Amino acid sequence: MTTPDDGAPFLDEEMSRFLSQFQADTAPLEELRERLDAIRGRGEAADGLVRAEVLPSGALGSLRIDPRAMRLGADALAEAVLAAANDATADLTAQMAGLMTDGLNPFADEIRRFDQD
């Protein structure tokens, strides 16, 4: 007669092996997520009088306007703010593309095999 514990040590070992392998396989993705969360896009305009920082969410994280920028006038200042924000977004996009390329390289062979099947 068998008991509910028959084979349990083997299953525990197999499950532990499976979980360890899963954690090892997903570690690069977790690192990539952390790196993506930490990046910031930066841009400036009006000879550095206006500086913007964009977060990974796309939100404006900070905006610094040098008091001398007030001499630009309302329209020129508005254009400078938009230009700095756009530059920051472009910087963020470039950084994210580089991180994604580097971060997904460990999975490239597996993705190619998946596409071939």
C-alpha atoms as a PDB file:
ATOM      1  CA  MET A   1       0.000   0.000   0.000  1.00  0.00           C
ATOM      2  CA  THR A   2       1.270   3.491  -0.834  1.00  0.00           C
ATOM      3  CA  THR A   3       1.051   6.501   1.400  1.00  0.00           C
ATOM      4  CA  PRO A   4       0.503  10.132   0.382  1.00  0.00           C
ATOM      5  CA  ASP A   5       4.196  10.796   1.087  1.00  0.00           C
ATOM      6  CA  ASP A   6       5.474   8.201  -1.419  1.00  0.00           C
ATOM      7  CA  GLY A   7       7.537  10.044  -4.026  1.00  0.00           C
ATOM      8  CA  ALA A   8       7.297  13.370  -2.208  1.00  0.00           C
ATOM      9  CA  PRO A   9      11.071  13.814  -1.730  1.00  0.00           C
ATOM     10  CA  PHE A  10      11.580  13.397  -5.475  1.00  0.00           C
ATOM     11  CA  LEU A  11       8.788  15.885  -6.218  1.00  0.00           C
ATOM     12  CA  ASP A  12      10.188  18.375  -3.691  1.00  0.00           C
ATOM     13  CA  GLU A  13      13.640  18.131  -5.284  1.00  0.00           C
ATOM     14  CA  GLU A  14      12.213  18.437  -8.776  1.00  0.00           C
ATOM     15  CA  MET A  15      10.077  21.451  -7.796  1.00  0.00           C
ATOM     16  CA  SER A  16      13.081  23.106  -6.118  1.00  0.00           C
ATOM     17  CA  ARG A  17      15.181  22.528  -9.232  1.00  0.00           C
ATOM     18  CA  PHE A  18      12.421  23.912 -11.435  1.00  0.00           C
ATOM     19  CA  LEU A  19      11.974  27.018  -9.272  1.00  0.00           C
ATOM     20  CA  SER A  20      15.729  27.641  -9.120  1.00  0.00           C
ATOM     21  CA  GLN A  21      15.968  27.418 -12.901  1.00  0.00           C
ATOM     22  CA  PHE A  22      12.968  29.716 -13.314  1.00  0.00           C
ATOM     23  CA  GLN A  23      14.525  32.305 -10.988  1.00  0.00           C
ATOM     24  CA  ALA A  24      17.821  32.086 -12.867  1.00  0.00           C
ATOM     25  CA  ASP A  25      16.017  32.484 -16.198  1.00  0.00           C
ATOM     26  CA  THR A  26      13.988  35.492 -15.072  1.00  0.00           C
ATOM     27  CA  ALA A  27      16.783  37.294 -13.196  1.00  0.00           C
ATOM     28  CA  PRO A  28      17.931  39.191 -16.320  1.00  0.00           C
ATOM     29  CA  LEU A  29      14.368  40.411 -16.882  1.00  0.00           C
ATOM     30  CA  GLU A  30      14.074  41.616 -13.305  1.00  0.00           C
ATOM     31  CA  GLU A  31      17.381  43.453 -13.650  1.00  0.00           C
ATOM     32  CA  LEU A  32      16.163  45.001 -16.899  1.00  0.00           C
ATOM     33  CA  ARG A  33      12.953  46.175 -15.221  1.00  0.00           C
ATOM     34  CA  GLU A  34      14.937  47.784 -12.409  1.00  0.00           C
ATOM     35  CA  ARG A  35      17.247  49.515 -14.861  1.00  0.00           C
ATOM     36  CA  LEU A  36      14.306  50.781 -16.919  1.00  0.00           C
ATOM     37  CA  ASP A  37      12.629  52.151 -13.794  1.00  0.00           C
ATOM     38  CA  ALA A  38      15.796  54.046 -12.872  1.00  0.00           C
ATOM     39  CA  ILE A  39      16.501  55.870 -16.135  1.00  0.00           C
ATOM     40  CA  ARG A  40      15.646  59.497 -16.716  1.00  0.00           C
ATOM     41  CA  GLY A  41      15.563  61.421 -19.972  1.00  0.00           C
ATOM     42  CA  ARG A  42      17.155  64.833 -19.854  1.00  0.00           C
ATOM     43  CA  GLY A  43      16.879  67.764 -22.216  1.00  0.00           C
ATOM     44  CA  GLU A  44      17.549  71.459 -22.291  1.00  0.00           C
ATOM     45  CA  ALA A  45      16.768  74.507 -24.368  1.00  0.00           C
ATOM     46  CA  ALA A  46      17.470  78.226 -24.524  1.00  0.00           C
ATOM     47  CA  ASP A  47      21.198  77.708 -24.025  1.00  0.00           C
ATOM     48  CA  GLY A  48      20.609  75.650 -20.892  1.00  0.00           C
ATOM     49  CA  LEU A  49      18.278  78.125 -19.220  1.00  0.00           C
ATOM     50  CA  VAL A  50      15.446  75.567 -19.360  1.00  0.00           C
ATOM     51  CA  ARG A  51      16.056  71.959 -18.320  1.00  0.00           C
ATOM     52  CA  ALA A  52      13.577  69.102 -18.243  1.00  0.00           C
ATOM     53  CA  GLU A  53      13.656  65.545 -16.972  1.00  0.00           C
ATOM     54  CA  VAL A  54      11.245  62.851 -18.159  1.00  0.00           C
ATOM     55  CA  LEU A  55      10.415  59.696 -16.201  1.00  0.00           C
ATOM     56  CA  PRO A  56      10.039  56.209 -17.722  1.00  0.00           C
ATOM     57  CA  SER A  57       6.254  56.635 -17.507  1.00  0.00           C
ATOM     58  CA  GLY A  58       6.554  59.575 -19.897  1.00  0.00           C
ATOM     59  CA  ALA A  59       5.623  62.071 -17.205  1.00  0.00           C
ATOM     60  CA  LEU A  60       7.636  65.218 -16.697  1.00  0.00           C
ATOM     61  CA  GLY A  61       9.748  64.514 -13.612  1.00  0.00           C
ATOM     62  CA  SER A  62      11.291  67.920 -13.176  1.00  0.00           C
ATOM     63  CA  LEU A  63      11.506  71.274 -14.858  1.00  0.00           C
ATOM     64  CA  ARG A  64      14.127  73.870 -14.031  1.00  0.00           C
ATOM     65  CA  ILE A  65      13.813  77.382 -15.351  1.00  0.00           C
ATOM     66  CA  ASP A  66      16.702  79.724 -14.720  1.00  0.00           C
ATOM     67  CA  PRO A  67      15.409  83.156 -13.650  1.00  0.00           C
ATOM     68  CA  ARG A  68      17.206  84.681 -16.651  1.00  0.00           C
ATOM     69  CA  ALA A  69      14.844  82.694 -18.920  1.00  0.00           C
ATOM     70  CA  MET A  70      12.018  85.003 -17.868  1.00  0.00           C
ATOM     71  CA  ARG A  71      13.563  87.635 -20.131  1.00  0.00           C
ATOM     72  CA  LEU A  72      12.712  85.474 -23.135  1.00  0.00           C
ATOM     73  CA  GLY A  73       9.054  86.445 -23.040  1.00  0.00           C
ATOM     74  CA  ALA A  74       6.056  84.176 -22.583  1.00  0.00           C
ATOM     75  CA  ASP A  75       5.961  82.646 -26.064  1.00  0.00           C
ATOM     76  CA  ALA A  76       9.696  81.994 -26.301  1.00  0.00           C
ATOM     77  CA  LEU A  77       9.737  80.562 -22.775  1.00  0.00           C
ATOM     78  CA  ALA A  78       6.839  78.239 -23.630  1.00  0.00           C
ATOM     79  CA  GLU A  79       8.683  77.073 -26.749  1.00  0.00           C
ATOM     80  CA  ALA A  80      11.837  76.494 -24.700  1.00  0.00           C
ATOM     81  CA  VAL A  81       9.926  74.402 -22.150  1.00  0.00           C
ATOM     82  CA  LEU A  82       8.429  72.282 -24.923  1.00  0.00           C
ATOM     83  CA  ALA A  83      11.796  71.906 -26.643  1.00  0.00           C
ATOM     84  CA  ALA A  84      13.488  70.814 -23.410  1.00  0.00           C
ATOM     85  CA  ALA A  85      10.695  68.330 -22.688  1.00  0.00           C
ATOM     86  CA  ASN A  86      10.864  66.952 -26.240  1.00  0.00           C
ATOM     87  CA  ASP A  87      14.642  66.585 -25.990  1.00  0.00           C
ATOM     88  CA  ALA A  88      14.240  64.782 -22.669  1.00  0.00           C
ATOM     89  CA  THR A  89      11.677  62.426 -24.213  1.00  0.00           C
ATOM     90  CA  ALA A  90      14.005  61.685 -27.127  1.00  0.00           C
ATOM     91  CA  ASP A  91      16.850  61.030 -24.689  1.00  0.00           C
ATOM     92  CA  LEU A  92      14.656  58.695 -22.644  1.00  0.00           C
ATOM     93  CA  THR A  93      13.530  56.829 -25.767  1.00  0.00           C
ATOM     94  CA  ALA A  94      17.121  56.307 -26.893  1.00  0.00           C
ATOM     95  CA  GLN A  95      18.165  55.065 -23.462  1.00  0.00           C
ATOM     96  CA  MET A  96      15.209  52.689 -23.259  1.00  0.00           C
ATOM     97  CA  ALA A  97      15.912  51.277 -26.716  1.00  0.00           C
ATOM     98  CA  GLY A  98      19.526  50.599 -25.739  1.00  0.00           C
ATOM     99  CA  LEU A  99      18.528  48.959 -22.470  1.00  0.00           C
ATOM    100  CA  MET A 100      15.896  46.803 -24.155  1.00  0.00           C
ATOM    101  CA  THR A 101      18.362  45.646 -26.794  1.00  0.00           C
ATOM    102  CA  ASP A 102      21.021  44.823 -24.226  1.00  0.00           C
ATOM    103  CA  GLY A 103      18.539  43.373 -21.747  1.00  0.00           C
ATOM    104  CA  LEU A 104      16.865  41.048 -24.216  1.00  0.00           C
ATOM    105  CA  ASN A 105      20.074  39.732 -25.808  1.00  0.00           C
ATOM    106  CA  PRO A 106      20.229  36.758 -23.410  1.00  0.00           C
ATOM    107  CA  PHE A 107      16.858  35.635 -24.807  1.00  0.00           C
ATOM    108  CA  ALA A 108      17.613  36.184 -28.507  1.00  0.00           C
ATOM    109  CA  ASP A 109      18.520  32.571 -29.289  1.00  0.00           C
ATOM    110  CA  GLU A 110      15.397  31.276 -27.576  1.00  0.00           C
ATOM    111  CA  ILE A 111      13.213  33.774 -29.436  1.00  0.00           C
ATOM    112  CA  ARG A 112      14.751  32.691 -32.756  1.00  0.00           C
ATOM    113  CA  ARG A 113      14.077  29.032 -31.916  1.00  0.00           C
ATOM    114  CA  PHE A 114      10.490  29.899 -31.000  1.00  0.00           C
ATOM    115  CA  ASP A 115      10.009  31.734 -34.324  1.00  0.00           C
ATOM    116  CA  GLN A 116      11.318  28.732 -36.258  1.00  0.00           C
ATOM    117  CA  ASP A 117       8.844  26.338 -34.636  1.00  0.00           C
END
